[in-house]
Every structure is written in C-alpha cells, then in structure tokens.
Amino acid sequence: MLKCGMSEVTITPPLGNSIPGYFEDRKSSGVKDDLFAKALVIESNDIVVFIVIDCLGLANSEVVKIRERVHAFTGIPQTSIMVSATHTHTGPPVRPGFNSSINQEYMSSLVEKAADAAVLAYKNRKKARIGFGTGTEEGISFNRRFFMKDGSVKTNPGTGNPAIEKPAGPIDPEVSVMRIDGLDGEPIGIVTNFACHTDCVSGTEYSADYPGELSKTVKKVLGSHVISLFMLGACGNINHIDVRDRTHEESGHYKRMGRILAFEALRAREKAVPSDDLAIEVDSALLRIECRKPAEKQVEKAQKDLLDESIGVMEKAFAKQLIKIQESGETHREVEVQAIKLGNAAVVGFPAEMFVGFGLELKAKAPYRTVFFNSLCNGGNGYVCTREAFVQGGYEPTITNNSKLAEDAGELMVRQALQMLNGR
C-alpha cells in the first residue's frame, strides 16, 4: 500500500545576514515572505525522500550532512534522499559566492531544519494516492541569451534594445505536476516542476520568489494544510524577462508569475488520475568530470584588473574568481546524477544550473510519460552550458570558481541519466 507524508519547516534567517546571488553584498533588511525547507516521503515497495529548500544552492558537503541526519532518525538509505534548492536570489546566506556571503552558524541550523522536515514527513506518512500530469505555460519564461545584430551573443541585453536580433535558444514551457492525495480524496500536496530562474524579486528582503507565491495560491485553493514543493527545471539560460515589454519590472511581478504557474499546475493536477499502486526504483551515479582552467593571459589580465580603479564591480568579481581558480589547482569534480522512478514518471536530479536544451533532450528521449528535471540537486556546480554556448560566449560560459566544469559536462550527465532511466 502506497504511503506519503509531507512537511514544511520555516528557515527564514535573522535580518542583517547577507543575501547571495548578486555581485555586490546585500544585507537583509526585511521579509517579503518566509523561506521554507519542505519534504515529501513516498513509500511503497521502496522508500524515497524529496527535500526542497528555499535557497540559492547548497554545496555537496551540506547535502551529505542532511542525508546523514535523515538516515539517523528514520533509517532511510542516504542514496534514496534527493536534496534540491529553489535557487531564490533573495534567500539565506548559504554559500560563498562572489561576495563570500556564507554564514556557517546559520548553515548548521539549516541542515538540521531541512533534515527535520524530512523526518516529520516520514512520521506524518499515511495511505495515499499519487497521480502525474503536465501543463503548458509559454508566457512567463524567456530565453535570456540573444543574437545581436553585430553577430555577438549577449545575456540579458536589456528590454527594448534595438540591437537585438532574436533569442539564441528555446524555452521549456512544460509544467510537470505530481498530485498527492489521501485515500479520502483530500489533497496532501503538489509538486511542480518548471524551468525559469527564480530571480524576479531583487532587493534586500527575504523572499521565496515566485515558488513562494505558487505555494500561497495552492493553499488558498486546496487548503492551508496542503504543501507545495517546487523543483527547478533546466533554467541555466532562462529567466522571467520579456525584452519586448517591461511587465517584469512592475512591483510584485513575482506574485503574478507564481499565480499564473499555480493555476496551470492546478489545472494539470485536476486532470491527473491518482493511484495507490506505485513502483519505486532509485538509481544514482557519480561522474568524474574535468574542470576548465583559465589561460595564463586571463590570469594576468585578472591581476591587472584588480589594481585598476576604473574596472567595475562585476569585472573585479570575475577577476577574483579567476585568481581563486588558479590557486585552487582543482582538476576535476565528482558530480552526482540521481534518478528516481515513480511508476510511469521519473524525477532526475542534476547538480548544476543546466541549460534548457539538456532538459528538452532528456524529456524527448526518456521512456517516461512525465519527467521532472530537477536542477541544483545534491550539490551545485554553477552553469552547465551547451557546446554551442561555449562557442558563442557570453555570461554563462564564463569560467568562475563555481562554474568551471568541462564543456562536455552536460552531455555526460544527460547520457548517464538516460542510461539509468532505460535500465542500463
């Protein structure tokens, strides 16, 4: 008999902490809406845990600690636990970015609370039914890389920029949904998967961004007890900015996005047919992927830029990163690709901000009706771009201490995921 449990725990930090995600250090001054760690436990022939945290991203070391704590309290195998971040850019001080904004004391608390969310979900589990569905939303996400009239490719070239020729790639409009109900038909929760950067808010107030508004809307429609988990899709080159107009600049745009996504997710949920028969299969693999290294000329220029007072904040940030990369001597990384099969659906976790092309490829080739492409999952390795993007250049392919996996990283990870989904 299928059993499910869900839980959400508040993780909003004290004011005054840094908010990572931008090039300058932002100290938090208020709270637009609370941040949460949320968990879903599904048990049938096997047991799996999904933990989603309202934060920019987590290092693999924190994921390990969360898994260890969940295992200690529940006995659930660590390999059956998937931990991901919503990637909100108005979240807690969780990682050292360009401004070294991590708060280790808070991190210890976050690890405990994220694990506790899973433990509580485990204790709350009851007989349930699960169904899967998909919807389509094409009006709130946009490819943020553009071919310019001079032949170059730029990221976020500006609304109304007359030099824009056309988008440099597609979007993924699919809204994947998991419906979780009790045997009495009462909703327990919903999982929504969509590809768009969670960076609509900015400023210095904590916010879960549009996934937070999605959750509020779901609760208003289905009940305050219903829990909404958001899994971030392949959004490395996707955001909310429509260069044709300025609606994204309006106050509260993230609320509009969250409501639009919520109603599409709810529509797909109502069409999903829940079942109490669900076979679970868990698979994962560690891939050794080489790291890119900056050229000598790049390092020399970076050293000069740090001494040049005319250089801007962004340029200096990248210069510091290049020097840090050279000093680290890191040659490769081990990255985890995780696949959890749930009947005729699958959730696949990738530890990076994957370009949308990888998401589209996986969904097209996977032998499953519904595929949840979960980015920034079980660690973070910055942007993973297509080979085409490396040729084009621009912001995302730029090498940093976080974004430096080899150019074939995305291909290797998708290939591994497809092998697992096909049982090879």
Protein backbone atom coordinates (compact mmCIF):
# COMPACT_ATOMS: atom_id res chain seq x y z
CA MET A 1 0.00 0.00 0.00
CA LEU A 2 1.33 3.41 -1.00
CA LYS A 3 2.05 5.84 1.83
CA CYS A 4 3.06 9.51 1.68
CA GLY A 5 4.00 12.19 4.17
CA MET A 6 4.79 15.88 3.70
CA SER A 7 6.12 18.65 5.92
CA GLU A 8 7.42 22.23 5.73
CA VAL A 9 9.72 23.98 8.20
CA THR A 10 10.47 27.72 8.27
CA ILE A 11 14.14 28.57 7.65
CA THR A 12 13.99 32.39 7.41
CA PRO A 13 17.26 33.75 8.88
CA PRO A 14 17.64 36.78 11.17
CA LEU A 15 17.89 40.17 9.48
CA GLY A 16 21.33 41.53 8.75
CA ASN A 17 22.62 38.40 7.06
CA SER A 18 23.98 38.53 3.53
CA ILE A 19 21.74 37.57 0.61
CA PRO A 20 23.83 35.75 -2.01
CA GLY A 21 23.13 35.80 -5.73
CA TYR A 22 24.46 39.13 -6.96
CA PHE A 23 27.91 40.59 -7.40
CA GLU A 24 27.58 43.04 -4.50
CA ASP A 25 26.92 42.11 -0.88
CA ARG A 26 23.30 42.70 0.14
CA LYS A 27 22.41 42.72 3.83
CA SER A 28 18.85 41.59 4.53
CA SER A 29 16.57 44.34 5.82
CA GLY A 30 13.14 42.69 5.86
CA VAL A 31 10.94 39.73 4.96
CA LYS A 32 8.56 39.75 1.98
CA ASP A 33 7.62 36.15 2.66
CA ASP A 34 9.09 33.33 4.71
CA LEU A 35 11.56 30.77 3.41
CA PHE A 36 10.98 27.05 3.90
CA ALA A 37 12.56 23.62 3.77
CA LYS A 38 9.93 21.18 2.51
CA ALA A 39 9.89 17.42 2.25
CA LEU A 40 7.92 14.62 0.63
CA VAL A 41 8.32 10.96 1.63
CA ILE A 42 6.89 8.27 -0.65
CA GLU A 43 6.78 4.62 0.42
CA SER A 44 5.59 1.53 -1.42
CA ASN A 45 7.93 -1.29 -2.50
CA ASP A 46 10.77 1.10 -1.58
CA ILE A 47 11.01 4.48 0.10
CA VAL A 48 12.28 7.83 -1.21
CA VAL A 49 12.61 11.35 0.16
CA PHE A 50 12.48 14.64 -1.72
CA ILE A 51 13.75 17.72 0.16
CA VAL A 52 13.43 21.17 -1.41
CA ILE A 53 14.98 24.24 0.20
CA ASP A 54 14.30 27.92 -0.49
CA CYS A 55 17.91 28.93 -1.07
CA LEU A 56 20.33 29.82 -3.84
CA GLY A 57 22.06 26.47 -3.74
CA LEU A 58 23.87 24.01 -1.48
CA ALA A 59 27.33 22.51 -1.52
CA ASN A 60 27.58 18.74 -1.66
CA SER A 61 29.01 18.74 1.88
CA GLU A 62 25.72 20.16 3.23
CA VAL A 63 23.71 17.63 1.23
CA VAL A 64 25.73 14.84 2.84
CA LYS A 65 25.00 16.20 6.33
CA ILE A 66 21.27 16.45 5.60
CA ARG A 67 21.18 12.90 4.30
CA GLU A 68 23.10 11.60 7.31
CA ARG A 69 20.69 13.25 9.75
CA VAL A 70 17.60 11.94 7.93
CA HIS A 71 19.09 8.44 7.89
CA ALA A 72 19.95 8.61 11.60
CA PHE A 73 16.33 9.43 12.53
CA THR A 74 14.48 7.25 10.00
CA GLY A 75 16.82 4.56 8.69
CA ILE A 76 16.08 5.65 5.12
CA PRO A 77 19.12 4.93 2.88
CA GLN A 78 21.04 8.09 2.06
CA THR A 79 21.04 7.14 -1.61
CA SER A 80 17.23 7.38 -1.56
CA ILE A 81 17.25 11.04 -0.49
CA MET A 82 17.17 13.83 -3.09
CA VAL A 83 18.02 17.36 -1.88
CA SER A 84 17.47 20.37 -4.13
CA ALA A 85 17.34 24.18 -3.99
CA THR A 86 14.75 26.51 -5.49
CA HIS A 87 17.59 28.93 -6.34
CA THR A 88 15.85 32.02 -4.97
CA HIS A 89 18.12 35.05 -5.27
CA THR A 90 16.56 36.60 -2.16
CA GLY A 91 17.33 33.74 0.17
CA PRO A 92 19.59 32.84 3.11
CA PRO A 93 23.41 33.08 3.37
CA VAL A 94 24.08 29.54 2.19
CA ARG A 95 27.17 29.62 0.05
CA PRO A 96 30.31 31.63 -0.61
CA GLY A 97 29.61 33.50 -3.82
CA PHE A 98 31.26 36.49 -5.36
CA ASN A 99 30.86 38.29 -2.03
CA SER A 100 31.70 35.36 0.31
CA SER A 101 28.29 35.63 1.94
CA ILE A 102 28.04 32.27 3.71
CA ASN A 103 27.09 32.14 7.41
CA GLN A 104 28.36 28.88 8.91
CA GLU A 105 26.31 29.19 12.10
CA TYR A 106 23.13 29.55 10.05
CA MET A 107 24.19 26.68 7.80
CA SER A 108 24.28 24.30 10.76
CA SER A 109 20.73 25.30 11.64
CA LEU A 110 19.59 24.98 8.02
CA VAL A 111 20.99 21.46 7.73
CA GLU A 112 19.13 20.40 10.86
CA LYS A 113 15.84 22.01 9.80
CA ALA A 114 15.99 20.59 6.27
CA ALA A 115 16.58 17.13 7.66
CA ASP A 116 13.87 17.63 10.27
CA ALA A 117 11.37 18.47 7.52
CA ALA A 118 12.04 15.01 6.07
CA VAL A 119 11.84 13.33 9.48
CA LEU A 120 8.48 14.99 10.15
CA ALA A 121 7.22 13.99 6.71
CA TYR A 122 8.27 10.41 7.47
CA LYS A 123 6.36 10.48 10.76
CA ASN A 124 3.31 12.02 9.02
CA ARG A 125 3.03 9.44 6.25
CA LYS A 126 -0.32 7.81 5.66
CA LYS A 127 -2.07 5.81 2.96
CA ALA A 128 -2.23 7.89 -0.18
CA ARG A 129 -2.69 8.07 -3.92
CA ILE A 130 -0.36 9.76 -6.42
CA GLY A 131 -1.00 10.95 -9.96
CA PHE A 132 1.05 12.76 -12.58
CA GLY A 133 0.20 15.35 -15.18
CA THR A 134 1.62 18.04 -17.40
CA GLY A 135 0.54 21.51 -18.43
CA THR A 136 1.96 24.25 -20.64
CA GLU A 137 2.82 27.84 -19.81
CA GLU A 138 4.56 29.84 -22.53
CA GLY A 139 4.14 33.43 -21.33
CA ILE A 140 6.28 33.76 -18.19
CA SER A 141 9.70 32.36 -19.15
CA PHE A 142 12.11 33.58 -21.82
CA ASN A 143 15.49 32.58 -23.17
CA ARG A 144 17.85 35.22 -21.79
CA ARG A 145 20.59 34.84 -24.42
CA PHE A 146 20.19 36.77 -27.68
CA PHE A 147 21.85 37.04 -31.05
CA MET A 148 22.73 40.67 -31.57
CA LYS A 149 22.77 42.43 -34.93
CA ASP A 150 26.57 42.63 -34.80
CA GLY A 151 26.78 38.83 -34.68
CA SER A 152 27.58 38.53 -30.97
CA VAL A 153 25.55 36.75 -28.28
CA LYS A 154 24.63 38.59 -25.10
CA THR A 155 22.87 37.59 -21.89
CA ASN A 156 20.09 39.95 -20.77
CA PRO A 157 20.91 42.68 -23.31
CA GLY A 158 18.17 44.94 -21.98
CA THR A 159 14.48 45.49 -22.60
CA GLY A 160 13.78 47.16 -25.94
CA ASN A 161 17.42 47.04 -27.04
CA PRO A 162 17.32 47.84 -30.80
CA ALA A 163 20.48 45.79 -31.36
CA ILE A 164 18.68 42.52 -30.53
CA GLU A 165 18.23 40.18 -33.48
CA LYS A 166 16.50 37.12 -31.95
CA PRO A 167 16.65 34.71 -28.99
CA ALA A 168 19.64 32.36 -29.07
CA GLY A 169 17.56 29.38 -27.99
CA PRO A 170 14.20 27.98 -26.89
CA ILE A 171 12.38 27.73 -23.56
CA ASP A 172 10.75 24.72 -21.92
CA PRO A 173 7.07 25.60 -21.39
CA GLU A 174 6.15 22.28 -19.78
CA VAL A 175 4.72 22.29 -16.25
CA SER A 176 5.18 18.85 -14.71
CA VAL A 177 2.96 18.05 -11.74
CA MET A 178 2.72 15.37 -9.07
CA ARG A 179 -0.61 15.11 -7.28
CA ILE A 180 -0.60 13.63 -3.75
CA ASP A 181 -3.98 12.83 -2.15
CA GLY A 182 -5.22 10.89 0.85
CA LEU A 183 -7.41 7.84 0.30
CA ASP A 184 -10.39 10.04 1.12
CA GLY A 185 -9.58 12.25 -1.86
CA GLU A 186 -8.40 15.15 0.27
CA PRO A 187 -5.23 16.77 -1.13
CA ILE A 188 -1.98 16.33 0.79
CA GLY A 189 0.33 18.18 -1.54
CA ILE A 190 1.53 19.00 -5.02
CA VAL A 191 4.95 19.01 -6.70
CA THR A 192 5.51 21.44 -9.57
CA ASN A 193 8.48 21.44 -11.97
CA PHE A 194 9.14 24.42 -14.25
CA ALA A 195 12.19 25.95 -15.94
CA CYS A 196 12.75 29.61 -15.10
CA HIS A 197 15.34 31.34 -12.94
CA THR A 198 14.00 32.35 -9.53
CA ASP A 199 15.33 35.89 -9.65
CA CYS A 200 12.23 38.08 -10.03
CA VAL A 201 12.38 39.99 -6.73
CA SER A 202 15.86 41.50 -6.10
CA GLY A 203 16.29 43.99 -3.25
CA THR A 204 17.21 43.23 0.35
CA GLU A 205 14.12 41.47 1.70
CA TYR A 206 13.93 37.71 2.05
CA SER A 207 11.56 36.07 -0.41
CA ALA A 208 10.94 32.62 -1.83
CA ASP A 209 10.26 34.38 -5.16
CA TYR A 210 7.56 33.01 -7.49
CA PRO A 211 7.60 29.47 -5.96
CA GLY A 212 6.53 31.12 -2.70
CA GLU A 213 3.53 32.74 -4.35
CA LEU A 214 2.77 29.46 -6.12
CA SER A 215 2.58 27.83 -2.69
CA LYS A 216 0.33 30.55 -1.27
CA THR A 217 -2.05 30.21 -4.20
CA VAL A 218 -2.19 26.43 -3.89
CA LYS A 219 -3.05 26.76 -0.20
CA LYS A 220 -5.83 29.25 -0.96
CA VAL A 221 -7.37 26.87 -3.48
CA LEU A 222 -6.79 23.45 -1.90
CA GLY A 223 -6.44 24.28 1.79
CA SER A 224 -3.88 25.76 4.17
CA HIS A 225 -2.62 22.26 5.09
CA VAL A 226 -1.59 21.44 1.50
CA ILE A 227 2.15 21.59 0.85
CA SER A 228 3.64 22.77 -2.43
CA LEU A 229 7.12 21.59 -3.44
CA PHE A 230 8.83 23.34 -6.33
CA MET A 231 11.53 21.66 -8.40
CA LEU A 232 13.55 23.99 -10.62
CA GLY A 233 13.80 22.89 -14.24
CA ALA A 234 16.62 23.35 -16.74
CA CYS A 235 16.82 27.14 -16.46
CA GLY A 236 20.52 27.96 -16.90
CA ASN A 237 19.68 30.27 -19.81
CA ILE A 238 16.04 31.02 -18.94
CA ASN A 239 14.55 33.88 -16.90
CA HIS A 240 11.39 35.94 -16.48
CA ILE A 241 12.37 38.97 -18.59
CA ASP A 242 10.46 39.64 -21.79
CA VAL A 243 12.61 42.07 -23.78
CA ARG A 244 9.55 43.16 -25.77
CA ASP A 245 7.94 44.97 -22.81
CA ARG A 246 8.56 45.95 -19.19
CA THR A 247 5.88 44.00 -17.33
CA HIS A 248 8.65 42.13 -15.49
CA GLU A 249 9.71 45.44 -13.94
CA GLU A 250 6.35 46.00 -12.29
CA SER A 251 6.21 45.77 -8.50
CA GLY A 252 5.12 42.32 -7.39
CA HIS A 253 5.79 40.63 -10.73
CA TYR A 254 6.92 37.50 -8.87
CA LYS A 255 3.42 37.22 -7.42
CA ARG A 256 1.89 37.39 -10.89
CA MET A 257 4.28 34.69 -12.09
CA GLY A 258 3.56 32.49 -9.10
CA ARG A 259 -0.21 32.76 -9.58
CA ILE A 260 -0.04 32.03 -13.30
CA LEU A 261 2.14 28.97 -12.68
CA ALA A 262 -0.05 27.85 -9.79
CA PHE A 263 -3.24 27.86 -11.82
CA GLU A 264 -1.61 25.93 -14.65
CA ALA A 265 -0.23 23.43 -12.15
CA LEU A 266 -3.66 23.12 -10.51
CA ARG A 267 -5.28 22.57 -13.90
CA ALA A 268 -2.82 19.75 -14.63
CA ARG A 269 -3.38 18.38 -11.14
CA GLU A 270 -7.12 18.11 -11.64
CA LYS A 271 -6.58 16.09 -14.80
CA ALA A 272 -4.11 13.73 -13.14
CA VAL A 273 -5.57 10.36 -12.14
CA PRO A 274 -4.21 9.31 -8.73
CA SER A 275 -3.40 5.68 -7.94
CA ASP A 276 -2.40 3.80 -4.78
CA ASP A 277 -0.17 1.48 -6.80
CA LEU A 278 3.26 2.98 -7.47
CA ALA A 279 6.51 1.10 -8.07
CA ILE A 280 9.64 2.94 -6.86
CA GLU A 281 13.15 2.45 -8.21
CA VAL A 282 16.17 4.52 -7.19
CA ASP A 283 19.41 4.87 -9.12
CA SER A 284 22.37 7.23 -8.94
CA ALA A 285 25.87 7.61 -10.30
CA LEU A 286 28.96 9.65 -9.53
CA LEU A 287 30.63 11.05 -12.63
CA ARG A 288 34.20 12.30 -12.72
CA ILE A 289 34.14 15.47 -14.81
CA GLU A 290 37.18 17.54 -15.66
CA CYS A 291 37.41 21.21 -14.70
CA ARG A 292 38.26 24.01 -17.10
CA LYS A 293 41.30 26.13 -16.30
CA PRO A 294 41.90 29.80 -17.10
CA ALA A 295 44.62 30.61 -19.59
CA GLU A 296 47.77 32.38 -18.41
CA LYS A 297 46.75 35.56 -20.26
CA GLN A 298 43.38 35.52 -18.49
CA VAL A 299 45.05 35.30 -15.08
CA GLU A 300 47.49 38.08 -15.93
CA LYS A 301 44.63 40.33 -17.03
CA ALA A 302 42.69 39.48 -13.86
CA GLN A 303 45.62 40.53 -11.70
CA LYS A 304 45.79 43.85 -13.54
CA ASP A 305 42.02 44.38 -13.31
CA LEU A 306 42.12 44.10 -9.54
CA LEU A 307 44.51 47.04 -9.43
CA ASP A 308 42.55 49.13 -11.94
CA GLU A 309 40.17 51.54 -10.18
CA SER A 310 38.21 52.08 -13.40
CA ILE A 311 37.10 48.43 -13.51
CA GLY A 312 33.51 47.78 -12.41
CA VAL A 313 32.20 45.54 -9.63
CA MET A 314 31.30 42.67 -11.96
CA GLU A 315 34.65 42.67 -13.73
CA LYS A 316 36.52 42.70 -10.42
CA ALA A 317 34.39 39.84 -9.14
CA PHE A 318 35.28 37.70 -12.16
CA ALA A 319 38.94 38.68 -11.79
CA LYS A 320 38.97 37.47 -8.18
CA GLN A 321 37.37 34.23 -9.26
CA LEU A 322 39.98 33.54 -11.94
CA ILE A 323 42.80 34.01 -9.46
CA LYS A 324 41.00 31.79 -6.96
CA ILE A 325 40.68 29.07 -9.60
CA GLN A 326 44.38 29.22 -10.38
CA GLU A 327 45.26 28.97 -6.69
CA SER A 328 42.92 26.03 -6.03
CA GLY A 329 44.53 23.68 -8.52
CA GLU A 330 41.27 21.74 -8.82
CA THR A 331 41.47 19.38 -11.80
CA HIS A 332 38.14 17.56 -11.64
CA ARG A 333 34.91 17.13 -9.69
CA GLU A 334 32.72 14.17 -8.87
CA VAL A 335 29.10 15.05 -9.60
CA GLU A 336 26.03 13.02 -8.75
CA VAL A 337 23.23 12.28 -11.18
CA GLN A 338 20.21 10.75 -9.44
CA ALA A 339 17.15 9.15 -11.00
CA ILE A 340 14.05 8.18 -9.02
CA LYS A 341 11.43 6.27 -10.97
CA LEU A 342 7.85 6.51 -9.74
CA GLY A 343 5.61 4.30 -11.82
CA ASN A 344 5.29 5.92 -15.25
CA ALA A 345 7.08 9.10 -14.08
CA ALA A 346 10.66 9.91 -13.16
CA VAL A 347 12.45 12.60 -11.18
CA VAL A 348 16.03 13.20 -12.33
CA GLY A 349 18.41 15.35 -10.29
CA PHE A 350 21.34 17.31 -11.73
CA PRO A 351 23.82 19.26 -9.54
CA ALA A 352 24.02 22.42 -11.64
CA GLU A 353 22.18 25.19 -13.48
CA MET A 354 21.62 23.21 -16.64
CA PHE A 355 20.85 24.88 -19.98
CA VAL A 356 17.31 24.33 -21.22
CA GLY A 357 18.48 22.25 -24.18
CA PHE A 358 19.51 19.47 -21.82
CA GLY A 359 16.07 19.42 -20.25
CA LEU A 360 14.36 19.25 -23.61
CA GLU A 361 16.67 16.45 -24.75
CA LEU A 362 16.10 14.37 -21.63
CA LYS A 363 12.32 14.68 -21.84
CA ALA A 364 12.29 13.83 -25.54
CA LYS A 365 14.38 10.69 -25.10
CA ALA A 366 13.26 9.42 -21.69
CA PRO A 367 10.92 6.38 -21.68
CA TYR A 368 8.54 8.05 -19.23
CA ARG A 369 5.32 9.95 -19.70
CA THR A 370 6.18 12.59 -17.09
CA VAL A 371 9.75 13.70 -16.32
CA PHE A 372 10.72 16.09 -13.55
CA PHE A 373 14.06 17.71 -14.43
CA ASN A 374 15.40 18.84 -11.05
CA SER A 375 18.30 21.32 -11.21
CA LEU A 376 20.67 22.33 -8.40
CA CYS A 377 20.11 18.93 -6.89
CA ASN A 378 22.54 17.20 -4.48
CA GLY A 379 25.10 19.99 -4.81
CA GLY A 380 25.90 22.84 -7.15
CA ASN A 381 28.42 23.32 -9.95
CA GLY A 382 27.30 26.59 -11.49
CA TYR A 383 26.24 26.80 -15.13
CA VAL A 384 26.41 23.78 -17.40
CA CYS A 385 26.18 25.13 -20.94
CA THR A 386 25.77 23.53 -24.33
CA ARG A 387 28.82 23.30 -26.58
CA GLU A 388 27.14 25.86 -28.83
CA ALA A 389 27.02 28.36 -25.95
CA PHE A 390 30.74 27.92 -25.29
CA VAL A 391 31.41 28.91 -28.90
CA GLN A 392 29.03 31.88 -28.67
CA GLY A 393 30.43 33.15 -25.37
CA GLY A 394 28.53 35.41 -23.00
CA TYR A 395 27.92 35.38 -19.26
CA GLU A 396 27.07 31.76 -18.50
CA PRO A 397 30.13 30.09 -20.14
CA THR A 398 32.50 32.44 -18.26
CA ILE A 399 34.76 30.40 -16.02
CA THR A 400 34.39 31.03 -12.27
CA ASN A 401 35.30 29.09 -9.15
CA ASN A 402 31.78 27.62 -9.18
CA SER A 403 31.13 27.34 -12.94
CA LYS A 404 34.08 25.50 -14.38
CA LEU A 405 33.02 22.03 -15.45
CA ALA A 406 34.32 20.87 -18.83
CA GLU A 407 32.39 21.65 -22.00
CA ASP A 408 31.09 18.08 -22.28
CA ALA A 409 29.67 18.04 -18.72
CA GLY A 410 26.04 18.43 -19.75
CA GLU A 411 26.28 15.74 -22.40
CA LEU A 412 27.86 13.31 -19.93
CA MET A 413 25.21 13.93 -17.29
CA VAL A 414 22.25 13.60 -19.65
CA ARG A 415 23.74 10.44 -21.16
CA GLN A 416 24.11 8.95 -17.68
CA ALA A 417 20.55 9.91 -16.77
CA LEU A 418 19.13 8.29 -19.90
CA GLN A 419 21.10 5.10 -19.23
CA MET A 420 19.59 4.90 -15.75
CA LEU A 421 16.09 5.64 -16.99
CA ASN A 422 16.45 2.92 -19.62
CA GLY A 423 17.69 0.42 -17.04
CA ARG A 424 21.23 0.18 -18.34
